[in-house]
Amino acid sequence: MPLKWSKTVHDISQDHDNNITIHFTDGSQVSGTHLVGCDGSRSQIREKLCSRTGKSPLNHRLDIRLLGASVITSPELGRRLQEKDTYFFQGGDQAASSFMFWAVQDTPHHNDRKDNPDTYACQLIVSWPYRAGFLGRSEPIEVPASQEERLDLMKEIAQSWASPFRDAVFAVPADTHIQAVNLESWKPAAGKWDSLNGRATLIGDAAHTMYAKQITPNRFARVC
């Protein structure tokens, strides 16, 4: 069956032979014997199947805030970070209850940066608990609006970290785009969605969202 993009689910119906039909908002429809909802963390199929059981299809936002960036680091810093692990590492600061993730995306041996091929391209993530008392604040710290404030907060969180972890954060260029990501979850449970007499199910992020990015939902569902 060919893929159909840019489809939004309007309704799901089932006939007396248990065949399933997906009705889309553009007036089109597709039918089959089974339905597998694999349309991501904001699954439209999950929403429709849960509406039949009265259970909530909505993700739960975790009490954690996260900032991430793709950064270019110097050869010296890149080598020191890679000494910790060739590919990636992650860890928490127990004293401050903060978290760091770092991963190598390109190395001087493989990157295609013609302007500066000796650099390392890396992914850097810093997260913290959304609760009063963090960093001595009386109120929980929300993600700042401006890029400058986001970088300043990342540096404040990393201030007490050991080298080279602290160095990785403090070396982030001022013009780096820092992305905020909402962490969310949705736990599956027996009876949480209608299986349409055993003909429908959910898989992947549609069935078990774990720390999912808050992004535009996929517009794809497959009927077979």
N, C-alpha and C. Protein backbone atom coordinates (compact mmCIF):
# COMPACT_ATOMS: atom_id res chain seq x y z
N MET A 1 0.85 -1.19 0.00
CA MET A 1 0.00 0.00 0.00
C MET A 1 0.89 1.25 0.00
N PRO A 2 0.64 2.19 -0.92
CA PRO A 2 1.46 3.41 -0.97
C PRO A 2 1.21 4.30 0.25
N LEU A 3 2.26 5.02 0.66
CA LEU A 3 2.12 5.95 1.78
C LEU A 3 1.30 7.17 1.35
N LYS A 4 0.49 7.66 2.27
CA LYS A 4 -0.30 8.87 2.05
C LYS A 4 0.09 9.88 3.11
N TRP A 5 0.60 11.03 2.68
CA TRP A 5 1.06 12.05 3.61
C TRP A 5 0.02 13.14 3.80
N SER A 6 0.22 13.94 4.85
CA SER A 6 -0.63 15.11 5.15
C SER A 6 -2.08 14.71 5.34
N LYS A 7 -2.29 13.62 6.05
CA LYS A 7 -3.64 13.15 6.35
C LYS A 7 -3.94 13.39 7.83
N THR A 8 -5.15 13.87 8.11
CA THR A 8 -5.60 14.07 9.48
C THR A 8 -6.82 13.20 9.73
N VAL A 9 -6.78 12.37 10.78
CA VAL A 9 -7.85 11.43 11.05
C VAL A 9 -9.07 12.16 11.62
N HIS A 10 -10.20 11.91 11.00
CA HIS A 10 -11.46 12.48 11.50
C HIS A 10 -12.23 11.47 12.34
N ASP A 11 -12.26 10.21 11.91
CA ASP A 11 -13.04 9.21 12.64
C ASP A 11 -12.56 7.82 12.24
N ILE A 12 -12.92 6.84 13.07
CA ILE A 12 -12.65 5.44 12.80
C ILE A 12 -13.97 4.68 12.94
N SER A 13 -14.29 3.85 11.96
CA SER A 13 -15.52 3.05 12.03
C SER A 13 -15.19 1.59 11.76
N GLN A 14 -16.12 0.72 12.16
CA GLN A 14 -15.94 -0.72 11.99
C GLN A 14 -17.27 -1.34 11.59
N ASP A 15 -17.27 -2.19 10.56
CA ASP A 15 -18.53 -2.78 10.10
C ASP A 15 -18.79 -4.12 10.81
N HIS A 16 -19.88 -4.78 10.42
CA HIS A 16 -20.29 -6.00 11.10
C HIS A 16 -19.32 -7.16 10.89
N ASP A 17 -18.46 -7.05 9.87
CA ASP A 17 -17.42 -8.06 9.64
C ASP A 17 -16.10 -7.70 10.31
N ASN A 18 -16.13 -6.66 11.11
CA ASN A 18 -14.95 -6.17 11.86
C ASN A 18 -13.92 -5.47 10.99
N ASN A 19 -14.24 -5.20 9.72
CA ASN A 19 -13.34 -4.42 8.89
C ASN A 19 -13.32 -2.97 9.38
N ILE A 20 -12.17 -2.34 9.27
CA ILE A 20 -11.97 -1.00 9.83
C ILE A 20 -11.80 0.02 8.71
N THR A 21 -12.43 1.18 8.90
CA THR A 21 -12.28 2.28 7.95
C THR A 21 -11.80 3.52 8.69
N ILE A 22 -10.76 4.15 8.14
CA ILE A 22 -10.26 5.43 8.66
C ILE A 22 -10.84 6.53 7.77
N HIS A 23 -11.51 7.48 8.39
CA HIS A 23 -12.09 8.61 7.66
C HIS A 23 -11.20 9.84 7.93
N PHE A 24 -10.75 10.49 6.86
CA PHE A 24 -9.87 11.64 7.00
C PHE A 24 -10.64 12.94 6.81
N THR A 25 -10.07 14.02 7.32
CA THR A 25 -10.77 15.32 7.28
C THR A 25 -10.93 15.86 5.87
N ASP A 26 -10.15 15.36 4.91
CA ASP A 26 -10.28 15.83 3.53
C ASP A 26 -11.36 15.08 2.75
N GLY A 27 -12.09 14.19 3.46
CA GLY A 27 -13.18 13.45 2.83
C GLY A 27 -12.78 12.09 2.31
N SER A 28 -11.51 11.80 2.26
CA SER A 28 -11.05 10.49 1.79
C SER A 28 -11.11 9.47 2.91
N GLN A 29 -10.99 8.22 2.56
CA GLN A 29 -11.01 7.16 3.55
C GLN A 29 -10.23 5.95 3.03
N VAL A 30 -9.86 5.07 3.95
CA VAL A 30 -9.16 3.85 3.58
C VAL A 30 -9.62 2.75 4.52
N SER A 31 -9.78 1.53 3.99
CA SER A 31 -10.31 0.42 4.77
C SER A 31 -9.35 -0.76 4.78
N GLY A 32 -9.47 -1.61 5.79
CA GLY A 32 -8.63 -2.80 5.90
C GLY A 32 -9.12 -3.69 7.01
N THR A 33 -8.41 -4.78 7.23
CA THR A 33 -8.82 -5.74 8.25
C THR A 33 -8.25 -5.42 9.62
N HIS A 34 -7.09 -4.74 9.65
CA HIS A 34 -6.44 -4.40 10.92
C HIS A 34 -5.92 -2.97 10.87
N LEU A 35 -5.79 -2.39 12.06
CA LEU A 35 -5.28 -1.03 12.19
C LEU A 35 -4.12 -1.00 13.18
N VAL A 36 -3.00 -0.44 12.76
CA VAL A 36 -1.85 -0.26 13.64
C VAL A 36 -1.54 1.22 13.71
N GLY A 37 -1.73 1.80 14.88
CA GLY A 37 -1.42 3.22 15.06
C GLY A 37 0.06 3.38 15.38
N CYS A 38 0.80 3.93 14.44
CA CYS A 38 2.25 4.13 14.64
C CYS A 38 2.58 5.58 14.28
N ASP A 39 1.69 6.49 14.68
CA ASP A 39 1.78 7.88 14.25
C ASP A 39 2.31 8.81 15.33
N GLY A 40 3.24 8.31 16.14
CA GLY A 40 4.02 9.18 17.00
C GLY A 40 3.41 9.52 18.34
N SER A 41 4.12 10.39 19.07
CA SER A 41 3.78 10.69 20.46
C SER A 41 2.48 11.47 20.62
N ARG A 42 1.99 12.06 19.56
CA ARG A 42 0.67 12.71 19.59
C ARG A 42 -0.26 12.02 18.61
N SER A 43 -0.32 10.73 18.77
CA SER A 43 -1.05 9.86 17.86
C SER A 43 -2.53 10.22 17.74
N GLN A 44 -2.96 10.42 16.51
CA GLN A 44 -4.38 10.64 16.25
C GLN A 44 -5.16 9.34 16.43
N ILE A 45 -4.52 8.22 16.07
CA ILE A 45 -5.17 6.93 16.25
C ILE A 45 -5.40 6.66 17.74
N ARG A 46 -4.40 6.96 18.56
CA ARG A 46 -4.55 6.81 20.01
C ARG A 46 -5.72 7.64 20.51
N GLU A 47 -5.80 8.88 20.03
CA GLU A 47 -6.88 9.77 20.47
C GLU A 47 -8.24 9.17 20.16
N LYS A 48 -8.40 8.63 18.96
CA LYS A 48 -9.70 8.08 18.56
C LYS A 48 -10.02 6.79 19.31
N LEU A 49 -9.01 5.92 19.49
CA LEU A 49 -9.27 4.67 20.18
C LEU A 49 -9.52 4.88 21.67
N CYS A 50 -8.84 5.85 22.27
CA CYS A 50 -9.07 6.14 23.69
C CYS A 50 -10.41 6.82 23.93
N SER A 51 -10.89 7.54 22.93
CA SER A 51 -12.20 8.21 23.09
C SER A 51 -13.31 7.18 23.25
N ARG A 52 -13.08 5.97 22.76
CA ARG A 52 -14.09 4.91 22.86
C ARG A 52 -14.11 4.28 24.25
N THR A 53 -13.02 4.45 25.02
CA THR A 53 -12.96 3.87 26.37
C THR A 53 -13.10 4.93 27.46
N GLY A 54 -13.06 6.19 27.05
CA GLY A 54 -13.14 7.27 28.02
C GLY A 54 -11.84 7.55 28.73
N LYS A 55 -10.74 6.94 28.28
CA LYS A 55 -9.43 7.16 28.89
C LYS A 55 -8.72 8.32 28.19
N SER A 56 -7.84 8.97 28.91
CA SER A 56 -7.15 10.13 28.36
C SER A 56 -6.03 9.72 27.42
N PRO A 57 -5.97 10.32 26.21
CA PRO A 57 -4.86 10.06 25.30
C PRO A 57 -3.73 11.08 25.44
N LEU A 58 -3.87 12.02 26.38
CA LEU A 58 -2.95 13.14 26.49
C LEU A 58 -1.66 12.75 27.19
N ASN A 59 -0.56 13.29 26.69
CA ASN A 59 0.74 13.07 27.32
C ASN A 59 0.81 13.81 28.65
N HIS A 60 1.66 13.29 29.53
CA HIS A 60 1.94 13.94 30.80
C HIS A 60 3.30 14.61 30.71
N ARG A 61 3.32 15.92 30.94
CA ARG A 61 4.59 16.64 30.90
C ARG A 61 5.35 16.42 32.21
N LEU A 62 6.60 16.02 32.10
CA LEU A 62 7.41 15.75 33.28
C LEU A 62 7.85 17.05 33.93
N ASP A 63 8.12 16.98 35.21
CA ASP A 63 8.59 18.17 35.95
C ASP A 63 10.10 18.35 35.75
N ILE A 64 10.48 18.43 34.50
CA ILE A 64 11.87 18.62 34.09
C ILE A 64 11.89 19.61 32.94
N ARG A 65 12.88 20.46 32.92
CA ARG A 65 13.06 21.39 31.80
C ARG A 65 14.40 21.08 31.14
N LEU A 66 14.46 21.23 29.82
CA LEU A 66 15.63 20.80 29.06
C LEU A 66 15.99 21.80 27.97
N LEU A 67 17.27 22.05 27.84
CA LEU A 67 17.82 22.88 26.76
C LEU A 67 18.88 22.08 26.03
N GLY A 68 18.87 22.17 24.71
CA GLY A 68 19.85 21.44 23.92
C GLY A 68 20.36 22.27 22.76
N ALA A 69 21.54 21.92 22.27
CA ALA A 69 22.14 22.67 21.17
C ALA A 69 23.12 21.78 20.40
N SER A 70 23.25 22.07 19.13
CA SER A 70 24.32 21.50 18.32
C SER A 70 25.46 22.51 18.32
N VAL A 71 26.64 22.08 18.75
CA VAL A 71 27.74 23.02 18.93
C VAL A 71 28.99 22.51 18.20
N ILE A 72 29.83 23.46 17.83
CA ILE A 72 31.12 23.17 17.24
C ILE A 72 32.19 23.46 18.29
N THR A 73 32.99 22.46 18.62
CA THR A 73 34.01 22.64 19.64
C THR A 73 35.41 22.58 19.03
N SER A 74 36.34 23.14 19.74
CA SER A 74 37.73 23.16 19.30
C SER A 74 38.32 21.76 19.31
N PRO A 75 39.38 21.53 18.55
CA PRO A 75 40.03 20.20 18.56
C PRO A 75 40.48 19.80 19.96
N GLU A 76 41.01 20.74 20.72
CA GLU A 76 41.51 20.43 22.06
C GLU A 76 40.38 19.99 22.99
N LEU A 77 39.28 20.74 23.00
CA LEU A 77 38.15 20.38 23.86
C LEU A 77 37.50 19.11 23.35
N GLY A 78 37.36 18.98 22.05
CA GLY A 78 36.76 17.78 21.49
C GLY A 78 37.52 16.52 21.87
N ARG A 79 38.84 16.59 21.84
CA ARG A 79 39.64 15.43 22.22
C ARG A 79 39.46 15.10 23.70
N ARG A 80 39.42 16.13 24.55
CA ARG A 80 39.25 15.88 25.98
C ARG A 80 37.89 15.26 26.29
N LEU A 81 36.87 15.72 25.60
CA LEU A 81 35.54 15.15 25.80
C LEU A 81 35.49 13.72 25.28
N GLN A 82 36.13 13.49 24.15
CA GLN A 82 36.09 12.15 23.56
C GLN A 82 36.91 11.14 24.37
N GLU A 83 37.81 11.62 25.19
CA GLU A 83 38.54 10.73 26.09
C GLU A 83 37.59 10.09 27.11
N LYS A 84 36.50 10.77 27.41
CA LYS A 84 35.51 10.22 28.35
C LYS A 84 34.72 9.10 27.70
N ASP A 85 34.38 9.29 26.44
CA ASP A 85 33.73 8.25 25.65
C ASP A 85 33.84 8.62 24.19
N THR A 86 34.05 7.63 23.36
CA THR A 86 34.24 7.89 21.93
C THR A 86 33.01 8.49 21.28
N TYR A 87 31.82 8.10 21.75
CA TYR A 87 30.58 8.49 21.07
C TYR A 87 29.70 9.42 21.89
N PHE A 88 29.39 9.05 23.12
CA PHE A 88 28.51 9.90 23.94
C PHE A 88 28.64 9.52 25.41
N PHE A 89 28.21 10.44 26.26
CA PHE A 89 28.10 10.14 27.68
C PHE A 89 26.98 10.98 28.27
N GLN A 90 26.51 10.56 29.42
CA GLN A 90 25.48 11.29 30.14
C GLN A 90 25.66 11.06 31.62
N GLY A 91 25.23 12.02 32.41
CA GLY A 91 25.38 11.88 33.84
C GLY A 91 24.69 13.00 34.60
N GLY A 92 24.50 12.78 35.88
CA GLY A 92 23.81 13.76 36.71
C GLY A 92 24.71 14.33 37.78
N ASP A 93 24.42 15.55 38.15
CA ASP A 93 25.08 16.23 39.26
C ASP A 93 24.19 16.05 40.48
N GLN A 94 24.57 15.17 41.37
CA GLN A 94 23.71 14.87 42.52
C GLN A 94 23.53 16.08 43.44
N ALA A 95 24.57 16.90 43.55
CA ALA A 95 24.48 18.05 44.45
C ALA A 95 23.47 19.06 43.95
N ALA A 96 23.42 19.27 42.64
CA ALA A 96 22.53 20.28 42.07
C ALA A 96 21.30 19.70 41.41
N SER A 97 21.23 18.34 41.32
CA SER A 97 20.10 17.66 40.68
C SER A 97 19.94 18.07 39.22
N SER A 98 21.05 18.29 38.54
CA SER A 98 21.01 18.63 37.12
C SER A 98 21.58 17.47 36.31
N PHE A 99 21.46 17.58 34.99
CA PHE A 99 21.81 16.46 34.10
C PHE A 99 22.47 17.00 32.85
N MET A 100 23.42 16.21 32.31
CA MET A 100 24.09 16.58 31.07
C MET A 100 24.16 15.38 30.14
N PHE A 101 23.95 15.65 28.85
CA PHE A 101 24.15 14.65 27.80
C PHE A 101 25.04 15.27 26.74
N TRP A 102 26.01 14.50 26.27
CA TRP A 102 26.92 14.99 25.23
C TRP A 102 27.16 13.87 24.24
N ALA A 103 27.15 14.20 22.95
CA ALA A 103 27.37 13.18 21.92
C ALA A 103 28.17 13.77 20.77
N VAL A 104 29.03 12.94 20.19
CA VAL A 104 29.81 13.32 19.01
C VAL A 104 28.97 13.10 17.77
N GLN A 105 28.88 14.12 16.93
CA GLN A 105 28.18 13.97 15.66
C GLN A 105 29.15 13.91 14.48
N ASP A 106 30.23 14.68 14.55
CA ASP A 106 31.28 14.64 13.53
C ASP A 106 32.62 14.91 14.19
N THR A 107 33.67 14.27 13.69
CA THR A 107 35.03 14.46 14.19
C THR A 107 35.90 15.04 13.08
N PRO A 108 37.10 15.51 13.42
CA PRO A 108 37.98 16.03 12.37
C PRO A 108 38.27 15.04 11.25
N HIS A 109 38.15 13.75 11.53
CA HIS A 109 38.42 12.74 10.51
C HIS A 109 37.25 12.55 9.55
N HIS A 110 36.07 13.04 9.94
CA HIS A 110 34.89 12.73 9.14
C HIS A 110 34.05 13.95 8.75
N ASN A 111 34.24 15.10 9.41
CA ASN A 111 33.32 16.20 9.12
C ASN A 111 33.63 16.86 7.78
N ASP A 112 32.66 17.57 7.27
CA ASP A 112 32.80 18.21 5.96
C ASP A 112 32.82 19.73 6.07
N ARG A 113 33.24 20.24 7.22
CA ARG A 113 33.33 21.68 7.42
C ARG A 113 34.61 22.19 6.72
N LYS A 114 34.43 22.70 5.53
CA LYS A 114 35.57 23.15 4.74
C LYS A 114 36.25 24.37 5.37
N ASP A 115 35.48 25.16 6.15
CA ASP A 115 36.06 26.36 6.75
C ASP A 115 36.96 26.02 7.94
N ASN A 116 36.65 24.92 8.62
CA ASN A 116 37.44 24.55 9.79
C ASN A 116 37.29 23.04 10.03
N PRO A 117 37.97 22.22 9.25
CA PRO A 117 37.78 20.77 9.32
C PRO A 117 38.31 20.12 10.58
N ASP A 118 39.07 20.84 11.41
CA ASP A 118 39.64 20.24 12.62
C ASP A 118 38.69 20.24 13.81
N THR A 119 37.53 20.81 13.64
CA THR A 119 36.60 20.93 14.77
C THR A 119 35.75 19.67 14.96
N TYR A 120 35.14 19.60 16.14
CA TYR A 120 34.19 18.53 16.47
C TYR A 120 32.78 19.11 16.46
N ALA A 121 31.85 18.41 15.84
CA ALA A 121 30.44 18.77 15.93
C ALA A 121 29.79 17.88 16.99
N CYS A 122 29.12 18.51 17.95
CA CYS A 122 28.60 17.76 19.09
C CYS A 122 27.17 18.18 19.40
N GLN A 123 26.49 17.31 20.11
CA GLN A 123 25.18 17.64 20.66
C GLN A 123 25.32 17.76 22.16
N LEU A 124 24.79 18.83 22.71
CA LEU A 124 24.90 19.10 24.15
C LEU A 124 23.51 19.36 24.72
N ILE A 125 23.20 18.67 25.81
CA ILE A 125 21.90 18.83 26.47
C ILE A 125 22.12 19.07 27.97
N VAL A 126 21.40 20.01 28.51
CA VAL A 126 21.41 20.28 29.95
C VAL A 126 19.95 20.32 30.43
N SER A 127 19.66 19.60 31.51
CA SER A 127 18.30 19.63 32.04
C SER A 127 18.33 19.80 33.55
N TRP A 128 17.18 20.20 34.10
CA TRP A 128 17.09 20.47 35.54
C TRP A 128 15.67 20.21 36.03
N PRO A 129 15.50 19.98 37.33
CA PRO A 129 14.16 19.73 37.87
C PRO A 129 13.35 21.02 37.96
N TYR A 130 12.08 20.90 37.60
CA TYR A 130 11.18 22.05 37.68
C TYR A 130 10.54 22.05 39.06
N ARG A 131 11.25 22.63 40.02
CA ARG A 131 10.76 22.67 41.40
C ARG A 131 11.40 23.85 42.14
N ALA A 132 10.71 24.29 43.15
CA ALA A 132 11.24 25.36 43.99
C ALA A 132 12.50 24.88 44.70
N GLY A 133 13.45 25.79 44.85
CA GLY A 133 14.67 25.46 45.56
C GLY A 133 15.85 25.18 44.66
N PHE A 134 15.60 24.87 43.37
CA PHE A 134 16.72 24.60 42.46
C PHE A 134 17.53 25.88 42.24
N LEU A 135 18.84 25.79 42.37
CA LEU A 135 19.76 26.92 42.28
C LEU A 135 19.43 28.01 43.30
N GLY A 136 18.77 27.63 44.37
CA GLY A 136 18.44 28.58 45.42
C GLY A 136 17.27 29.49 45.11
N ARG A 137 16.56 29.22 44.02
CA ARG A 137 15.42 30.06 43.66
C ARG A 137 14.19 29.67 44.47
N SER A 138 13.39 30.65 44.82
CA SER A 138 12.17 30.37 45.58
C SER A 138 11.06 29.79 44.71
N GLU A 139 11.15 30.01 43.39
CA GLU A 139 10.16 29.50 42.45
C GLU A 139 10.85 28.58 41.44
N PRO A 140 10.12 27.62 40.86
CA PRO A 140 10.71 26.76 39.83
C PRO A 140 11.24 27.59 38.66
N ILE A 141 12.31 27.14 38.05
CA ILE A 141 12.93 27.86 36.94
C ILE A 141 12.36 27.36 35.62
N GLU A 142 11.66 28.24 34.93
CA GLU A 142 11.11 27.92 33.61
C GLU A 142 12.17 28.20 32.55
N VAL A 143 11.98 27.64 31.37
CA VAL A 143 12.91 27.88 30.26
C VAL A 143 12.87 29.35 29.89
N PRO A 144 14.01 30.04 29.87
CA PRO A 144 14.02 31.46 29.49
C PRO A 144 13.58 31.66 28.05
N ALA A 145 13.09 32.86 27.76
CA ALA A 145 12.59 33.15 26.42
C ALA A 145 13.71 33.43 25.43
N SER A 146 14.72 34.18 25.83
CA SER A 146 15.76 34.60 24.88
C SER A 146 16.90 33.60 24.82
N GLN A 147 17.60 33.60 23.69
CA GLN A 147 18.74 32.72 23.51
C GLN A 147 19.85 33.06 24.50
N GLU A 148 20.08 34.33 24.72
CA GLU A 148 21.13 34.76 25.64
C GLU A 148 20.84 34.26 27.06
N GLU A 149 19.59 34.38 27.49
CA GLU A 149 19.22 33.93 28.83
C GLU A 149 19.33 32.41 28.96
N ARG A 150 19.02 31.70 27.88
CA ARG A 150 19.13 30.24 27.92
C ARG A 150 20.58 29.80 28.10
N LEU A 151 21.48 30.43 27.37
CA LEU A 151 22.89 30.09 27.51
C LEU A 151 23.41 30.47 28.89
N ASP A 152 22.99 31.61 29.39
CA ASP A 152 23.40 32.03 30.73
C ASP A 152 22.94 31.02 31.79
N LEU A 153 21.72 30.51 31.64
CA LEU A 153 21.20 29.54 32.59
C LEU A 153 21.98 28.23 32.51
N MET A 154 22.29 27.78 31.30
CA MET A 154 23.08 26.56 31.14
C MET A 154 24.43 26.70 31.85
N LYS A 155 25.05 27.86 31.72
CA LYS A 155 26.34 28.10 32.37
C LYS A 155 26.19 28.16 33.89
N GLU A 156 25.11 28.75 34.35
CA GLU A 156 24.89 28.80 35.80
C GLU A 156 24.72 27.40 36.37
N ILE A 157 23.99 26.55 35.65
CA ILE A 157 23.79 25.18 36.11
C ILE A 157 25.11 24.42 36.14
N ALA A 158 25.97 24.66 35.13
CA ALA A 158 27.22 23.92 34.99
C ALA A 158 28.37 24.52 35.79
N GLN A 159 28.12 25.61 36.49
CA GLN A 159 29.19 26.35 37.16
C GLN A 159 30.03 25.46 38.10
N SER A 160 29.40 24.55 38.81
CA SER A 160 30.11 23.73 39.79
C SER A 160 30.59 22.40 39.23
N TRP A 161 30.36 22.15 37.93
CA TRP A 161 30.76 20.88 37.35
C TRP A 161 32.28 20.81 37.19
N ALA A 162 32.80 19.61 37.14
CA ALA A 162 34.22 19.39 36.91
C ALA A 162 34.55 19.53 35.43
N SER A 163 35.80 19.77 35.14
CA SER A 163 36.30 19.79 33.77
C SER A 163 36.42 18.34 33.27
N PRO A 164 36.08 18.06 32.01
CA PRO A 164 35.77 18.99 30.92
C PRO A 164 34.29 19.24 30.72
N PHE A 165 33.44 18.75 31.65
CA PHE A 165 32.00 18.90 31.48
C PHE A 165 31.59 20.37 31.57
N ARG A 166 32.12 21.04 32.55
CA ARG A 166 31.87 22.48 32.67
C ARG A 166 32.39 23.21 31.43
N ASP A 167 33.58 22.83 30.98
CA ASP A 167 34.19 23.49 29.82
C ASP A 167 33.31 23.38 28.57
N ALA A 168 32.66 22.21 28.42
CA ALA A 168 31.82 21.99 27.24
C ALA A 168 30.67 22.99 27.18
N VAL A 169 30.10 23.30 28.35
CA VAL A 169 28.99 24.26 28.39
C VAL A 169 29.50 25.69 28.22
N PHE A 170 30.59 26.02 28.90
CA PHE A 170 31.10 27.38 28.83
C PHE A 170 31.71 27.71 27.48
N ALA A 171 32.01 26.70 26.67
CA ALA A 171 32.58 26.94 25.35
C ALA A 171 31.52 27.10 24.26
N VAL A 172 30.24 26.99 24.62
CA VAL A 172 29.18 27.14 23.63
C VAL A 172 29.20 28.57 23.08
N PRO A 173 29.35 28.76 21.77
CA PRO A 173 29.38 30.10 21.19
C PRO A 173 28.10 30.88 21.48
N ALA A 174 28.24 32.18 21.62
CA ALA A 174 27.11 33.04 21.98
C ALA A 174 26.01 33.02 20.93
N ASP A 175 26.36 32.77 19.67
CA ASP A 175 25.35 32.80 18.60
C ASP A 175 24.71 31.43 18.35
N THR A 176 24.96 30.47 19.23
CA THR A 176 24.39 29.13 19.07
C THR A 176 22.89 29.15 19.34
N HIS A 177 22.14 28.46 18.48
CA HIS A 177 20.69 28.34 18.71
C HIS A 177 20.46 27.27 19.76
N ILE A 178 19.80 27.64 20.85
CA ILE A 178 19.53 26.72 21.95
C ILE A 178 18.04 26.39 21.96
N GLN A 179 17.76 25.12 21.81
CA GLN A 179 16.38 24.64 21.64
C GLN A 179 15.82 24.13 22.96
N ALA A 180 14.62 24.55 23.29
CA ALA A 180 13.92 24.00 24.45
C ALA A 180 13.10 22.79 24.01
N VAL A 181 13.11 21.75 24.83
CA VAL A 181 12.38 20.52 24.51
C VAL A 181 11.52 20.14 25.71
N ASN A 182 10.24 19.92 25.48
CA ASN A 182 9.35 19.44 26.53
C ASN A 182 9.47 17.92 26.64
N LEU A 183 9.66 17.41 27.84
CA LEU A 183 9.74 15.98 28.07
C LEU A 183 8.39 15.47 28.54
N GLU A 184 7.88 14.46 27.84
CA GLU A 184 6.54 13.98 28.11
C GLU A 184 6.50 12.46 28.10
N SER A 185 5.49 11.90 28.73
CA SER A 185 5.31 10.46 28.74
C SER A 185 3.82 10.12 28.64
N TRP A 186 3.56 8.91 28.17
CA TRP A 186 2.20 8.37 28.15
C TRP A 186 2.33 6.86 28.37
N LYS A 187 1.76 6.38 29.48
CA LYS A 187 1.92 4.98 29.84
C LYS A 187 0.76 4.14 29.32
N PRO A 188 1.07 3.06 28.62
CA PRO A 188 0.00 2.16 28.18
C PRO A 188 -0.52 1.32 29.34
N ALA A 189 -1.73 0.88 29.24
CA ALA A 189 -2.31 0.01 30.26
C ALA A 189 -3.45 -0.79 29.63
N ALA A 190 -3.72 -1.95 30.17
CA ALA A 190 -4.78 -2.80 29.64
C ALA A 190 -6.11 -2.04 29.66
N GLY A 191 -6.79 -2.06 28.53
CA GLY A 191 -8.09 -1.41 28.43
C GLY A 191 -8.04 0.09 28.22
N LYS A 192 -6.84 0.65 28.04
CA LYS A 192 -6.75 2.10 27.90
C LYS A 192 -7.26 2.56 26.54
N TRP A 193 -7.14 1.70 25.52
CA TRP A 193 -7.71 2.03 24.22
C TRP A 193 -8.54 0.86 23.71
N ASP A 194 -9.49 1.15 22.86
CA ASP A 194 -10.37 0.14 22.29
C ASP A 194 -9.61 -0.61 21.20
N SER A 195 -9.52 -1.92 21.32
CA SER A 195 -8.80 -2.73 20.33
C SER A 195 -9.67 -3.11 19.15
N LEU A 196 -10.90 -2.62 19.12
CA LEU A 196 -11.82 -2.91 18.02
C LEU A 196 -11.91 -4.42 17.77
N ASN A 197 -12.25 -5.14 18.83
CA ASN A 197 -12.39 -6.60 18.76
C ASN A 197 -11.10 -7.29 18.32
N GLY A 198 -9.99 -6.77 18.83
CA GLY A 198 -8.71 -7.38 18.53
C GLY A 198 -8.13 -7.02 17.19
N ARG A 199 -8.73 -6.05 16.51
CA ARG A 199 -8.25 -5.67 15.18
C ARG A 199 -7.40 -4.41 15.17
N ALA A 200 -7.26 -3.73 16.31
CA ALA A 200 -6.52 -2.47 16.34
C ALA A 200 -5.55 -2.45 17.51
N THR A 201 -4.40 -1.83 17.29
CA THR A 201 -3.44 -1.67 18.38
C THR A 201 -2.56 -0.46 18.11
N LEU A 202 -1.72 -0.11 19.10
CA LEU A 202 -0.78 0.99 18.99
C LEU A 202 0.62 0.44 19.17
N ILE A 203 1.60 1.07 18.50
CA ILE A 203 2.99 0.67 18.66
C ILE A 203 3.87 1.91 18.73
N GLY A 204 5.11 1.71 19.18
CA GLY A 204 6.07 2.81 19.22
C GLY A 204 5.64 3.91 20.16
N ASP A 205 5.95 5.15 19.79
CA ASP A 205 5.62 6.30 20.63
C ASP A 205 4.12 6.48 20.79
N ALA A 206 3.34 5.99 19.86
CA ALA A 206 1.88 6.09 20.00
C ALA A 206 1.40 5.27 21.19
N ALA A 207 2.09 4.16 21.48
CA ALA A 207 1.69 3.27 22.56
C ALA A 207 2.43 3.55 23.87
N HIS A 208 3.64 4.06 23.77
CA HIS A 208 4.45 4.21 24.98
C HIS A 208 5.38 5.40 24.81
N THR A 209 4.83 6.60 24.84
CA THR A 209 5.64 7.80 24.72
C THR A 209 6.58 7.91 25.91
N MET A 210 7.87 8.04 25.63
CA MET A 210 8.86 8.17 26.70
C MET A 210 9.71 9.41 26.44
N TYR A 211 9.51 10.43 27.26
CA TYR A 211 10.29 11.66 27.16
C TYR A 211 10.28 12.21 25.74
N ALA A 212 9.09 12.33 25.17
CA ALA A 212 8.98 12.72 23.77
C ALA A 212 9.09 14.22 23.59
N LYS A 213 9.66 14.62 22.47
CA LYS A 213 9.68 16.02 22.13
C LYS A 213 8.27 16.51 21.83
N GLN A 214 7.99 17.74 22.20
CA GLN A 214 6.71 18.33 21.87
C GLN A 214 6.82 18.94 20.48
N ILE A 215 6.44 18.16 19.47
CA ILE A 215 6.56 18.60 18.08
C ILE A 215 5.23 18.41 17.39
N THR A 216 5.13 18.89 16.17
CA THR A 216 3.93 18.72 15.38
C THR A 216 3.70 17.22 15.15
N PRO A 217 2.49 16.71 15.38
CA PRO A 217 2.25 15.29 15.25
C PRO A 217 2.41 14.81 13.81
N ASN A 218 2.83 13.56 13.68
CA ASN A 218 2.89 12.96 12.35
C ASN A 218 1.48 12.79 11.81
N ARG A 219 1.34 12.84 10.49
CA ARG A 219 0.03 12.74 9.88
C ARG A 219 -0.09 11.41 9.13
N PHE A 220 0.37 10.34 9.75
CA PHE A 220 0.39 9.07 9.05
C PHE A 220 -0.20 7.97 9.91
N ALA A 221 -1.06 7.19 9.36
CA ALA A 221 -1.58 5.97 9.98
C ALA A 221 -1.73 4.94 8.89
N ARG A 222 -1.53 3.70 9.22
CA ARG A 222 -1.61 2.66 8.21
C ARG A 222 -2.73 1.70 8.53
N VAL A 223 -3.50 1.36 7.53
CA VAL A 223 -4.51 0.32 7.62
C VAL A 223 -4.11 -0.79 6.67
N CYS A 224 -4.12 -2.04 7.11
CA CYS A 224 -3.71 -3.14 6.25
C CYS A 224 -4.77 -4.24 6.23
